[in-house]
PDB file of N, CA and C in Angstrom:
ATOM      1  N   MET A   1       0.851  -1.188   0.000  1.00  0.00           N
ATOM      2  CA  MET A   1       0.000   0.000   0.000  1.00  0.00           C
ATOM      3  C   MET A   1       0.890   1.243   0.000  1.00  0.00           C
ATOM      4  N   GLU A   2       0.692   2.111  -0.981  1.00  0.00           N
ATOM      5  CA  GLU A   2       1.509   3.319  -1.105  1.00  0.00           C
ATOM      6  C   GLU A   2       1.378   4.228   0.105  1.00  0.00           C
ATOM      7  N   ASP A   3       0.167   4.399   0.604  1.00  0.00           N
ATOM      8  CA  ASP A   3      -0.052   5.283   1.736  1.00  0.00           C
ATOM      9  C   ASP A   3       0.712   4.810   2.963  1.00  0.00           C
ATOM     10  N   PHE A   4       0.744   3.502   3.178  1.00  0.00           N
ATOM     11  CA  PHE A   4       1.468   2.990   4.331  1.00  0.00           C
ATOM     12  C   PHE A   4       2.964   3.199   4.162  1.00  0.00           C
ATOM     13  N   GLU A   5       3.468   3.033   2.949  1.00  0.00           N
ATOM     14  CA  GLU A   5       4.899   3.249   2.712  1.00  0.00           C
ATOM     15  C   GLU A   5       5.284   4.690   3.043  1.00  0.00           C
ATOM     16  N   GLN A   6       4.448   5.635   2.658  1.00  0.00           N
ATOM     17  CA  GLN A   6       4.718   7.043   2.968  1.00  0.00           C
ATOM     18  C   GLN A   6       4.639   7.281   4.472  1.00  0.00           C
ATOM     19  N   LEU A   7       3.603   6.726   5.118  1.00  0.00           N
ATOM     20  CA  LEU A   7       3.447   6.861   6.564  1.00  0.00           C
ATOM     21  C   LEU A   7       4.652   6.268   7.284  1.00  0.00           C
ATOM     22  N   HIS A   8       5.076   5.096   6.854  1.00  0.00           N
ATOM     23  CA  HIS A   8       6.218   4.425   7.483  1.00  0.00           C
ATOM     24  C   HIS A   8       7.481   5.275   7.350  1.00  0.00           C
ATOM     25  N   ALA A   9       7.695   5.853   6.175  1.00  0.00           N
ATOM     26  CA  ALA A   9       8.867   6.713   5.967  1.00  0.00           C
ATOM     27  C   ALA A   9       8.813   7.945   6.875  1.00  0.00           C
ATOM     28  N   GLU A  10       7.622   8.535   7.025  1.00  0.00           N
ATOM     29  CA  GLU A  10       7.477   9.705   7.901  1.00  0.00           C
ATOM     30  C   GLU A  10       7.728   9.331   9.360  1.00  0.00           C
ATOM     31  N   LEU A  11       7.279   8.146   9.764  1.00  0.00           N
ATOM     32  CA  LEU A  11       7.505   7.702  11.142  1.00  0.00           C
ATOM     33  C   LEU A  11       8.982   7.430  11.398  1.00  0.00           C
ATOM     34  N   LEU A  12       9.665   6.864  10.419  1.00  0.00           N
ATOM     35  CA  LEU A  12      11.100   6.615  10.573  1.00  0.00           C
ATOM     36  C   LEU A  12      11.878   7.919  10.741  1.00  0.00           C
ATOM     37  N   ALA A  13      11.380   8.994  10.132  1.00  0.00           N
ATOM     38  CA  ALA A  13      12.063  10.288  10.203  1.00  0.00           C
ATOM     39  C   ALA A  13      11.813  11.027  11.520  1.00  0.00           C
ATOM     40  N   LEU A  14      10.848  10.567  12.318  1.00  0.00           N
ATOM     41  CA  LEU A  14      10.563  11.234  13.591  1.00  0.00           C
ATOM     42  C   LEU A  14      11.735  11.090  14.554  1.00  0.00           C
ATOM     43  N   PRO A  15      11.964  12.107  15.377  1.00  0.00           N
ATOM     44  CA  PRO A  15      13.046  12.004  16.360  1.00  0.00           C
ATOM     45  C   PRO A  15      12.677  11.063  17.507  1.00  0.00           C
ATOM     46  N   GLN A  16      13.690  10.520  18.136  1.00  0.00           N
ATOM     47  CA  GLN A  16      13.503   9.716  19.349  1.00  0.00           C
ATOM     48  C   GLN A  16      13.139  10.668  20.485  1.00  0.00           C
ATOM     49  N   VAL A  17      12.117  10.326  21.280  1.00  0.00           N
ATOM     50  CA  VAL A  17      11.717  11.167  22.408  1.00  0.00           C
ATOM     51  C   VAL A  17      11.606  10.312  23.661  1.00  0.00           C
ATOM     52  N   ASN A  18      11.610  10.964  24.798  1.00  0.00           N
ATOM     53  CA  ASN A  18      11.406  10.279  26.079  1.00  0.00           C
ATOM     54  C   ASN A  18      10.020  10.610  26.603  1.00  0.00           C
ATOM     55  N   GLY A  19       9.029  10.362  25.797  1.00  0.00           N
ATOM     56  CA  GLY A  19       7.663  10.685  26.159  1.00  0.00           C
ATOM     57  C   GLY A  19       7.167  11.847  25.326  1.00  0.00           C
ATOM     58  N   LEU A  20       5.867  11.938  25.233  1.00  0.00           N
ATOM     59  CA  LEU A  20       5.220  12.917  24.376  1.00  0.00           C
ATOM     60  C   LEU A  20       4.884  14.188  25.141  1.00  0.00           C
ATOM     61  N   VAL A  21       5.185  15.314  24.535  1.00  0.00           N
ATOM     62  CA  VAL A  21       4.707  16.612  25.003  1.00  0.00           C
ATOM     63  C   VAL A  21       3.802  17.137  23.886  1.00  0.00           C
ATOM     64  N   PRO A  22       2.861  18.022  24.193  1.00  0.00           N
ATOM     65  CA  PRO A  22       1.895  18.449  23.173  1.00  0.00           C
ATOM     66  C   PRO A  22       2.513  18.935  21.861  1.00  0.00           C
ATOM     67  N   VAL A  23       3.631  19.601  21.915  1.00  0.00           N
ATOM     68  CA  VAL A  23       4.234  20.108  20.680  1.00  0.00           C
ATOM     69  C   VAL A  23       4.697  18.962  19.773  1.00  0.00           C
ATOM     70  N   ASP A  24       4.989  17.795  20.328  1.00  0.00           N
ATOM     71  CA  ASP A  24       5.398  16.647  19.520  1.00  0.00           C
ATOM     72  C   ASP A  24       4.282  16.189  18.588  1.00  0.00           C
ATOM     73  N   ILE A  25       3.040  16.408  18.967  1.00  0.00           N
ATOM     74  CA  ILE A  25       1.910  15.996  18.132  1.00  0.00           C
ATOM     75  C   ILE A  25       1.946  16.729  16.796  1.00  0.00           C
ATOM     76  N   LEU A  26       2.462  17.956  16.791  1.00  0.00           N
ATOM     77  CA  LEU A  26       2.545  18.733  15.556  1.00  0.00           C
ATOM     78  C   LEU A  26       3.506  18.115  14.554  1.00  0.00           C
ATOM     79  N   ASN A  27       4.478  17.339  15.029  1.00  0.00           N
ATOM     80  CA  ASN A  27       5.458  16.723  14.147  1.00  0.00           C
ATOM     81  C   ASN A  27       4.981  15.408  13.545  1.00  0.00           C
ATOM     82  N   LEU A  28       3.879  14.859  14.063  1.00  0.00           N
ATOM     83  CA  LEU A  28       3.378  13.578  13.575  1.00  0.00           C
ATOM     84  C   LEU A  28       2.689  13.741  12.229  1.00  0.00           C
ATOM     85  N   PRO A  29       2.708  12.688  11.400  1.00  0.00           N
ATOM     86  CA  PRO A  29       1.922  12.739  10.162  1.00  0.00           C
ATOM     87  C   PRO A  29       0.460  13.056  10.487  1.00  0.00           C
ATOM     88  N   GLN A  30      -0.227  13.740   9.584  1.00  0.00           N
ATOM     89  CA  GLN A  30      -1.561  14.278   9.859  1.00  0.00           C
ATOM     90  C   GLN A  30      -2.540  13.227  10.380  1.00  0.00           C
ATOM     91  N   ALA A  31      -2.628  12.072   9.746  1.00  0.00           N
ATOM     92  CA  ALA A  31      -3.592  11.045  10.171  1.00  0.00           C
ATOM     93  C   ALA A  31      -3.288  10.560  11.581  1.00  0.00           C
ATOM     94  N   LEU A  32      -2.018  10.342  11.884  1.00  0.00           N
ATOM     95  CA  LEU A  32      -1.650   9.879  13.225  1.00  0.00           C
ATOM     96  C   LEU A  32      -1.790  10.980  14.259  1.00  0.00           C
ATOM     97  N   GLY A  33      -1.529  12.211  13.876  1.00  0.00           N
ATOM     98  CA  GLY A  33      -1.702  13.330  14.805  1.00  0.00           C
ATOM     99  C   GLY A  33      -3.135  13.429  15.291  1.00  0.00           C
ATOM    100  N   ARG A  34      -4.076  13.216  14.369  1.00  0.00           N
ATOM    101  CA  ARG A  34      -5.498  13.233  14.729  1.00  0.00           C
ATOM    102  C   ARG A  34      -5.814  12.100  15.704  1.00  0.00           C
ATOM    103  N   VAL A  35      -5.258  10.927  15.464  1.00  0.00           N
ATOM    104  CA  VAL A  35      -5.487   9.771  16.341  1.00  0.00           C
ATOM    105  C   VAL A  35      -4.882  10.025  17.719  1.00  0.00           C
ATOM    106  N   ILE A  36      -3.673  10.566  17.769  1.00  0.00           N
ATOM    107  CA  ILE A  36      -3.006  10.830  19.048  1.00  0.00           C
ATOM    108  C   ILE A  36      -3.779  11.883  19.841  1.00  0.00           C
ATOM    109  N   ARG A  37      -4.284  12.920  19.166  1.00  0.00           N
ATOM    110  CA  ARG A  37      -5.106  13.916  19.869  1.00  0.00           C
ATOM    111  C   ARG A  37      -6.347  13.261  20.466  1.00  0.00           C
ATOM    112  N   GLY A  38      -6.928  12.309  19.758  1.00  0.00           N
ATOM    113  CA  GLY A  38      -8.061  11.566  20.295  1.00  0.00           C
ATOM    114  C   GLY A  38      -7.667  10.697  21.471  1.00  0.00           C
ATOM    115  N   LEU A  39      -6.436  10.191  21.447  1.00  0.00           N
ATOM    116  CA  LEU A  39      -5.936   9.362  22.549  1.00  0.00           C
ATOM    117  C   LEU A  39      -5.803  10.152  23.839  1.00  0.00           C
ATOM    118  N   VAL A  40      -5.577  11.437  23.745  1.00  0.00           N
ATOM    119  CA  VAL A  40      -5.490  12.268  24.947  1.00  0.00           C
ATOM    120  C   VAL A  40      -6.812  12.182  25.713  1.00  0.00           C
ATOM    121  N   ARG A  41      -7.914  12.132  24.983  1.00  0.00           N
ATOM    122  CA  ARG A  41      -9.241  12.008  25.607  1.00  0.00           C
ATOM    123  C   ARG A  41      -9.576  10.562  25.961  1.00  0.00           C
ATOM    124  N   ASP A  42      -9.346   9.657  25.020  1.00  0.00           N
ATOM    125  CA  ASP A  42      -9.819   8.277  25.161  1.00  0.00           C
ATOM    126  C   ASP A  42      -8.892   7.377  25.966  1.00  0.00           C
ATOM    127  N   LYS A  43      -7.677   7.792  26.202  1.00  0.00           N
ATOM    128  CA  LYS A  43      -6.680   7.099  27.033  1.00  0.00           C
ATOM    129  C   LYS A  43      -6.016   5.897  26.373  1.00  0.00           C
ATOM    130  N   SER A  44      -6.728   5.106  25.559  1.00  0.00           N
ATOM    131  CA  SER A  44      -6.088   3.958  24.916  1.00  0.00           C
ATOM    132  C   SER A  44      -6.778   3.655  23.594  1.00  0.00           C
ATOM    133  N   ILE A  45      -6.070   2.901  22.745  1.00  0.00           N
ATOM    134  CA  ILE A  45      -6.604   2.514  21.444  1.00  0.00           C
ATOM    135  C   ILE A  45      -6.072   1.128  21.113  1.00  0.00           C
ATOM    136  N   THR A  46      -6.902   0.311  20.490  1.00  0.00           N
ATOM    137  CA  THR A  46      -6.449  -1.011  20.062  1.00  0.00           C
ATOM    138  C   THR A  46      -5.838  -0.889  18.670  1.00  0.00           C
ATOM    139  N   SER A  47      -5.092  -1.904  18.279  1.00  0.00           N
ATOM    140  CA  SER A  47      -4.505  -1.900  16.942  1.00  0.00           C
ATOM    141  C   SER A  47      -5.598  -1.889  15.872  1.00  0.00           C
ATOM    142  N   ALA A  48      -6.719  -2.555  16.124  1.00  0.00           N
ATOM    143  CA  ALA A  48      -7.829  -2.566  15.162  1.00  0.00           C
ATOM    144  C   ALA A  48      -8.443  -1.170  15.021  1.00  0.00           C
ATOM    145  N   GLU A  49      -8.619  -0.468  16.138  1.00  0.00           N
ATOM    146  CA  GLU A  49      -9.165   0.893  16.095  1.00  0.00           C
ATOM    147  C   GLU A  49      -8.203   1.838  15.391  1.00  0.00           C
ATOM    148  N   LEU A  50      -6.911   1.662  15.620  1.00  0.00           N
ATOM    149  CA  LEU A  50      -5.904   2.481  14.955  1.00  0.00           C
ATOM    150  C   LEU A  50      -5.948   2.250  13.450  1.00  0.00           C
ATOM    151  N   ALA A  51      -6.067   0.992  13.048  1.00  0.00           N
ATOM    152  CA  ALA A  51      -6.143   0.663  11.624  1.00  0.00           C
ATOM    153  C   ALA A  51      -7.346   1.338  10.971  1.00  0.00           C
ATOM    154  N   ASP A  52      -8.502   1.271  11.632  1.00  0.00           N
ATOM    155  CA  ASP A  52      -9.713   1.907  11.097  1.00  0.00           C
ATOM    156  C   ASP A  52      -9.558   3.422  11.013  1.00  0.00           C
ATOM    157  N   ALA A  53      -8.971   4.022  12.025  1.00  0.00           N
ATOM    158  CA  ALA A  53      -8.833   5.480  12.077  1.00  0.00           C
ATOM    159  C   ALA A  53      -7.888   6.012  11.005  1.00  0.00           C
ATOM    160  N   VAL A  54      -6.832   5.255  10.722  1.00  0.00           N
ATOM    161  CA  VAL A  54      -5.823   5.720   9.769  1.00  0.00           C
ATOM    162  C   VAL A  54      -6.109   5.218   8.353  1.00  0.00           C
ATOM    163  N   GLY A  55      -6.885   4.134   8.243  1.00  0.00           N
ATOM    164  CA  GLY A  55      -7.207   3.586   6.928  1.00  0.00           C
ATOM    165  C   GLY A  55      -6.164   2.625   6.394  1.00  0.00           C
ATOM    166  N   ILE A  56      -5.566   1.854   7.291  1.00  0.00           N
ATOM    167  CA  ILE A  56      -4.577   0.853   6.903  1.00  0.00           C
ATOM    168  C   ILE A  56      -4.987  -0.487   7.507  1.00  0.00           C
ATOM    169  N   SER A  57      -4.281  -1.558   7.125  1.00  0.00           N
ATOM    170  CA  SER A  57      -4.603  -2.873   7.682  1.00  0.00           C
ATOM    171  C   SER A  57      -4.164  -2.933   9.145  1.00  0.00           C
ATOM    172  N   GLU A  58      -4.707  -3.904   9.872  1.00  0.00           N
ATOM    173  CA  GLU A  58      -4.337  -4.014  11.284  1.00  0.00           C
ATOM    174  C   GLU A  58      -2.859  -4.346  11.446  1.00  0.00           C
ATOM    175  N   GLN A  59      -2.315  -5.187  10.565  1.00  0.00           N
ATOM    176  CA  GLN A  59      -0.887  -5.516  10.661  1.00  0.00           C
ATOM    177  C   GLN A  59      -0.029  -4.276  10.414  1.00  0.00           C
ATOM    178  N   GLU A  60      -0.430  -3.441   9.458  1.00  0.00           N
ATOM    179  CA  GLU A  60       0.295  -2.190   9.209  1.00  0.00           C
ATOM    180  C   GLU A  60       0.167  -1.251  10.405  1.00  0.00           C
ATOM    181  N   ALA A  61      -1.005  -1.237  11.036  1.00  0.00           N
ATOM    182  CA  ALA A  61      -1.207  -0.404  12.228  1.00  0.00           C
ATOM    183  C   ALA A  61      -0.301  -0.862  13.365  1.00  0.00           C
ATOM    184  N   ILE A  62      -0.156  -2.170  13.526  1.00  0.00           N
ATOM    185  CA  ILE A  62       0.739  -2.703  14.561  1.00  0.00           C
ATOM    186  C   ILE A  62       2.172  -2.295  14.265  1.00  0.00           C
ATOM    187  N   THR A  63       2.573  -2.386  13.002  1.00  0.00           N
ATOM    188  CA  THR A  63       3.929  -1.985  12.612  1.00  0.00           C
ATOM    189  C   THR A  63       4.163  -0.506  12.912  1.00  0.00           C
ATOM    190  N   ALA A  64       3.201   0.347  12.540  1.00  0.00           N
ATOM    191  CA  ALA A  64       3.330   1.790  12.781  1.00  0.00           C
ATOM    192  C   ALA A  64       3.351   2.096  14.271  1.00  0.00           C
ATOM    193  N   ALA A  65       2.448   1.480  15.028  1.00  0.00           N
ATOM    194  CA  ALA A  65       2.377   1.739  16.469  1.00  0.00           C
ATOM    195  C   ALA A  65       3.628   1.235  17.180  1.00  0.00           C
ATOM    196  N   ASP A  66       4.130   0.077  16.771  1.00  0.00           N
ATOM    197  CA  ASP A  66       5.354  -0.439  17.386  1.00  0.00           C
ATOM    198  C   ASP A  66       6.543   0.476  17.110  1.00  0.00           C
ATOM    199  N   LEU A  67       6.558   1.098  15.945  1.00  0.00           N
ATOM    200  CA  LEU A  67       7.609   2.070  15.645  1.00  0.00           C
ATOM    201  C   LEU A  67       7.480   3.290  16.557  1.00  0.00           C
ATOM    202  N   LEU A  68       6.239   3.725  16.818  1.00  0.00           N
ATOM    203  CA  LEU A  68       6.022   4.836  17.748  1.00  0.00           C
ATOM    204  C   LEU A  68       6.387   4.441  19.177  1.00  0.00           C
ATOM    205  N   VAL A  69       6.207   3.175  19.524  1.00  0.00           N
ATOM    206  CA  VAL A  69       6.646   2.681  20.836  1.00  0.00           C
ATOM    207  C   VAL A  69       8.170   2.748  20.907  1.00  0.00           C
ATOM    208  N   ASP A  70       8.842   2.262  19.867  1.00  0.00           N
ATOM    209  CA  ASP A  70      10.311   2.279  19.836  1.00  0.00           C
ATOM    210  C   ASP A  70      10.869   3.698  19.902  1.00  0.00           C
ATOM    211  N   LYS A  71      10.164   4.651  19.318  1.00  0.00           N
ATOM    212  CA  LYS A  71      10.627   6.044  19.310  1.00  0.00           C
ATOM    213  C   LYS A  71      10.221   6.814  20.559  1.00  0.00           C
ATOM    214  N   GLY A  72       9.425   6.200  21.457  1.00  0.00           N
ATOM    215  CA  GLY A  72       9.093   6.825  22.730  1.00  0.00           C
ATOM    216  C   GLY A  72       7.781   7.583  22.782  1.00  0.00           C
ATOM    217  N   TYR A  73       6.942   7.469  21.758  1.00  0.00           N
ATOM    218  CA  TYR A  73       5.677   8.203  21.716  1.00  0.00           C
ATOM    219  C   TYR A  73       4.523   7.450  22.377  1.00  0.00           C
ATOM    220  N   LEU A  74       4.521   6.120  22.265  1.00  0.00           N
ATOM    221  CA  LEU A  74       3.425   5.298  22.784  1.00  0.00           C
ATOM    222  C   LEU A  74       3.954   4.211  23.706  1.00  0.00           C
ATOM    223  N   LEU A  75       3.043   3.640  24.479  1.00  0.00           N
ATOM    224  CA  LEU A  75       3.317   2.474  25.326  1.00  0.00           C
ATOM    225  C   LEU A  75       2.365   1.358  24.924  1.00  0.00           C
ATOM    226  N   VAL A  76       2.829   0.116  24.995  1.00  0.00           N
ATOM    227  CA  VAL A  76       1.939  -1.035  24.847  1.00  0.00           C
ATOM    228  C   VAL A  76       1.482  -1.398  26.246  1.00  0.00           C
ATOM    229  N   VAL A  77       0.181  -1.558  26.427  1.00  0.00           N
ATOM    230  CA  VAL A  77      -0.354  -1.913  27.740  1.00  0.00           C
ATOM    231  C   VAL A  77      -1.045  -3.261  27.650  1.00  0.00           C
ATOM    232  N   GLU A  78      -1.217  -3.881  28.800  1.00  0.00           N
ATOM    233  CA  GLU A  78      -1.913  -5.159  28.841  1.00  0.00           C
ATOM    234  C   GLU A  78      -3.356  -4.960  28.402  1.00  0.00           C
ATOM    235  N   ALA A  79      -3.821  -5.830  27.532  1.00  0.00           N
ATOM    236  CA  ALA A  79      -5.215  -5.764  27.088  1.00  0.00           C
ATOM    237  C   ALA A  79      -6.126  -6.138  28.244  1.00  0.00           C
ATOM    238  N   PRO A  80      -7.250  -5.457  28.370  1.00  0.00           N
ATOM    239  CA  PRO A  80      -8.206  -5.837  29.417  1.00  0.00           C
ATOM    240  C   PRO A  80      -8.775  -7.216  29.117  1.00  0.00           C
ATOM    241  N   ASP A  81      -9.504  -7.748  30.043  1.00  0.00           N
ATOM    242  CA  ASP A  81     -10.139  -9.044  29.852  1.00  0.00           C
ATOM    243  C   ASP A  81     -10.941  -9.008  28.549  1.00  0.00           C
ATOM    244  N   LEU A  82     -10.605  -9.892  27.626  1.00  0.00           N
ATOM    245  CA  LEU A  82     -11.234  -9.856  26.312  1.00  0.00           C
ATOM    246  C   LEU A  82     -12.734 -10.107  26.364  1.00  0.00           C
ATOM    247  N   ALA A  83     -13.216 -10.768  27.385  1.00  0.00           N
ATOM    248  CA  ALA A  83     -14.658 -11.009  27.500  1.00  0.00           C
ATOM    249  C   ALA A  83     -15.411  -9.724  27.823  1.00  0.00           C
ATOM    250  N   ASP A  84     -14.744  -8.773  28.455  1.00  0.00           N
ATOM    251  CA  ASP A  84     -15.408  -7.539  28.879  1.00  0.00           C
ATOM    252  C   ASP A  84     -15.124  -6.346  27.977  1.00  0.00           C
ATOM    253  N   ALA A  85     -14.366  -6.549  26.925  1.00  0.00           N
ATOM    254  CA  ALA A  85     -13.955  -5.405  26.108  1.00  0.00           C
ATOM    255  C   ALA A  85     -14.268  -5.650  24.639  1.00  0.00           C
ATOM    256  N   ASP A  86     -14.072  -4.605  23.854  1.00  0.00           N
ATOM    257  CA  ASP A  86     -14.295  -4.704  22.419  1.00  0.00           C
ATOM    258  C   ASP A  86     -13.053  -5.174  21.685  1.00  0.00           C
ATOM    259  N   THR A  87     -12.012  -5.543  22.395  1.00  0.00           N
ATOM    260  CA  THR A  87     -10.793  -5.993  21.747  1.00  0.00           C
ATOM    261  C   THR A  87     -10.958  -7.427  21.292  1.00  0.00           C
ATOM    262  N   THR A  88     -10.245  -7.766  20.230  1.00  0.00           N
ATOM    263  CA  THR A  88     -10.263  -9.132  19.738  1.00  0.00           C
ATOM    264  C   THR A  88      -8.931  -9.769  20.059  1.00  0.00           C
ATOM    265  N   ALA A  89      -8.918 -11.081  20.060  1.00  0.00           N
ATOM    266  CA  ALA A  89      -7.670 -11.784  20.344  1.00  0.00           C
ATOM    267  C   ALA A  89      -6.618 -11.344  19.330  1.00  0.00           C
ATOM    268  N   GLY A  90      -5.432 -11.065  19.778  1.00  0.00           N
ATOM    269  CA  GLY A  90      -4.353 -10.628  18.909  1.00  0.00           C
ATOM    270  C   GLY A  90      -4.229  -9.121  18.798  1.00  0.00           C
ATOM    271  N   SER A  91      -5.244  -8.383  19.215  1.00  0.00           N
ATOM    272  CA  SER A  91      -5.159  -6.924  19.184  1.00  0.00           C
ATOM    273  C   SER A  91      -4.241  -6.447  20.298  1.00  0.00           C
ATOM    274  N   ARG A  92      -3.536  -5.386  20.019  1.00  0.00           N
ATOM    275  CA  ARG A  92      -2.695  -4.760  21.036  1.00  0.00           C
ATOM    276  C   ARG A  92      -3.366  -3.471  21.470  1.00  0.00           C
ATOM    277  N   VAL A  93      -3.078  -3.054  22.686  1.00  0.00           N
ATOM    278  CA  VAL A  93      -3.642  -1.814  23.210  1.00  0.00           C
ATOM    279  C   VAL A  93      -2.492  -0.846  23.458  1.00  0.00           C
ATOM    280  N   TYR A  94      -2.655   0.387  22.981  1.00  0.00           N
ATOM    281  CA  TYR A  94      -1.612   1.405  23.086  1.00  0.00           C
ATOM    282  C   TYR A  94      -2.124   2.601  23.871  1.00  0.00           C
ATOM    283  N   ARG A  95      -1.204   3.241  24.571  1.00  0.00           N
ATOM    284  CA  ARG A  95      -1.477   4.498  25.283  1.00  0.00           C
ATOM    285  C   ARG A  95      -0.349   5.469  24.984  1.00  0.00           C
ATOM    286  N   ILE A  96      -0.636   6.741  25.206  1.00  0.00           N
ATOM    287  CA  ILE A  96       0.396   7.764  25.032  1.00  0.00           C
ATOM    288  C   ILE A  96       1.416   7.632  26.152  1.00  0.00           C
ATOM    289  N   ARG A  97       2.672   7.761  25.800  1.00  0.00           N
ATOM    290  CA  ARG A  97       3.734   7.835  26.804  1.00  0.00           C
ATOM    291  C   ARG A  97       4.017   9.321  27.016  1.00  0.00           C
ATOM    292  N   PHE A  98       3.487   9.859  28.097  1.00  0.00           N
ATOM    293  CA  PHE A  98       3.678  11.278  28.378  1.00  0.00           C
ATOM    294  C   PHE A  98       5.067  11.523  28.961  1.00  0.00           C
ATOM    295  N   ALA A  99       5.656  12.656  28.581  1.00  0.00           N
ATOM    296  CA  ALA A  99       6.971  13.038  29.095  1.00  0.00           C
ATOM    297  C   ALA A  99       6.829  13.568  30.514  1.00  0.00           C
ATOM    298  N   ARG A 100       7.899  13.453  31.268  1.00  0.00           N
ATOM    299  CA  ARG A 100       7.930  14.039  32.609  1.00  0.00           C
ATOM    300  C   ARG A 100       8.165  15.535  32.470  1.00  0.00           C
ATOM    301  N   ILE A 101       7.444  16.312  33.227  1.00  0.00           N
ATOM    302  CA  ILE A 101       7.526  17.768  33.134  1.00  0.00           C
ATOM    303  C   ILE A 101       8.933  18.271  33.447  1.00  0.00           C
ATOM    304  N   LYS A 102       9.570  17.754  34.473  1.00  0.00           N
ATOM    305  CA  LYS A 102      10.876  18.267  34.900  1.00  0.00           C
ATOM    306  C   LYS A 102      11.956  18.043  33.850  1.00  0.00           C
ATOM    307  N   LYS A 103      11.832  17.012  33.044  1.00  0.00           N
ATOM    308  CA  LYS A 103      12.843  16.750  32.022  1.00  0.00           C
ATOM    309  C   LYS A 103      12.793  17.771  30.892  1.00  0.00           C
ATOM    310  N   HIS A 104      11.654  18.443  30.728  1.00  0.00           N
ATOM    311  CA  HIS A 104      11.495  19.382  29.629  1.00  0.00           C
ATOM    312  C   HIS A 104      11.455  20.829  30.089  1.00  0.00           C
ATOM    313  N   ASN A 105      11.719  21.074  31.360  1.00  0.00           N
ATOM    314  CA  ASN A 105      11.719  22.430  31.906  1.00  0.00           C
ATOM    315  C   ASN A 105      10.421  23.181  31.612  1.00  0.00           C
ATOM    316  N   ILE A 106       9.315  22.495  31.755  1.00  0.00           N
ATOM    317  CA  ILE A 106       8.007  23.106  31.561  1.00  0.00           C
ATOM    318  C   ILE A 106       7.547  23.656  32.903  1.00  0.00           C
ATOM    319  N   SER A 107       7.112  24.893  32.906  1.00  0.00           N
ATOM    320  CA  SER A 107       6.665  25.520  34.142  1.00  0.00           C
ATOM    321  C   SER A 107       5.414  24.829  34.666  1.00  0.00           C
ATOM    322  N   ILE A 108       5.369  24.576  35.960  1.00  0.00           N
ATOM    323  CA  ILE A 108       4.182  23.962  36.547  1.00  0.00           C
ATOM    324  C   ILE A 108       3.090  24.994  36.786  1.00  0.00           C
ATOM    325  N   ASP A 109       3.399  26.274  36.540  1.00  0.00           N
ATOM    326  CA  ASP A 109       2.419  27.344  36.727  1.00  0.00           C
ATOM    327  C   ASP A 109       1.510  27.525  35.521  1.00  0.00           C
ATOM    328  N   LEU A 110       1.688  26.732  34.489  1.00  0.00           N
ATOM    329  CA  LEU A 110       0.849  26.871  33.298  1.00  0.00           C
ATOM    330  C   LEU A 110      -0.506  26.440  33.659  1.00  0.00           C
TER     331      LEU A 110
END
């Protein structure tokens, strides 16, 4: 898929971070930036939901999300009990890896 190849190249070009700060969202490819902004509200997303949101296959979504995990933007979390959730077997659940405020010299008075 051409779109995934472009997305993958853009993700490879992202800098390594030690957690996400809001300005980092501006550097993400447009489709993923929209998903990450939604993650701020929703707290977590499955690989299947990510695939639907971006318009790629679930395997491509896992590849993209794992790259974001490797670069420090996301965390993989334990899936909730599959009987009680909308996740399917094999789906992964991701959350934003937020940066620590003190490491970025962000004022706590904001």
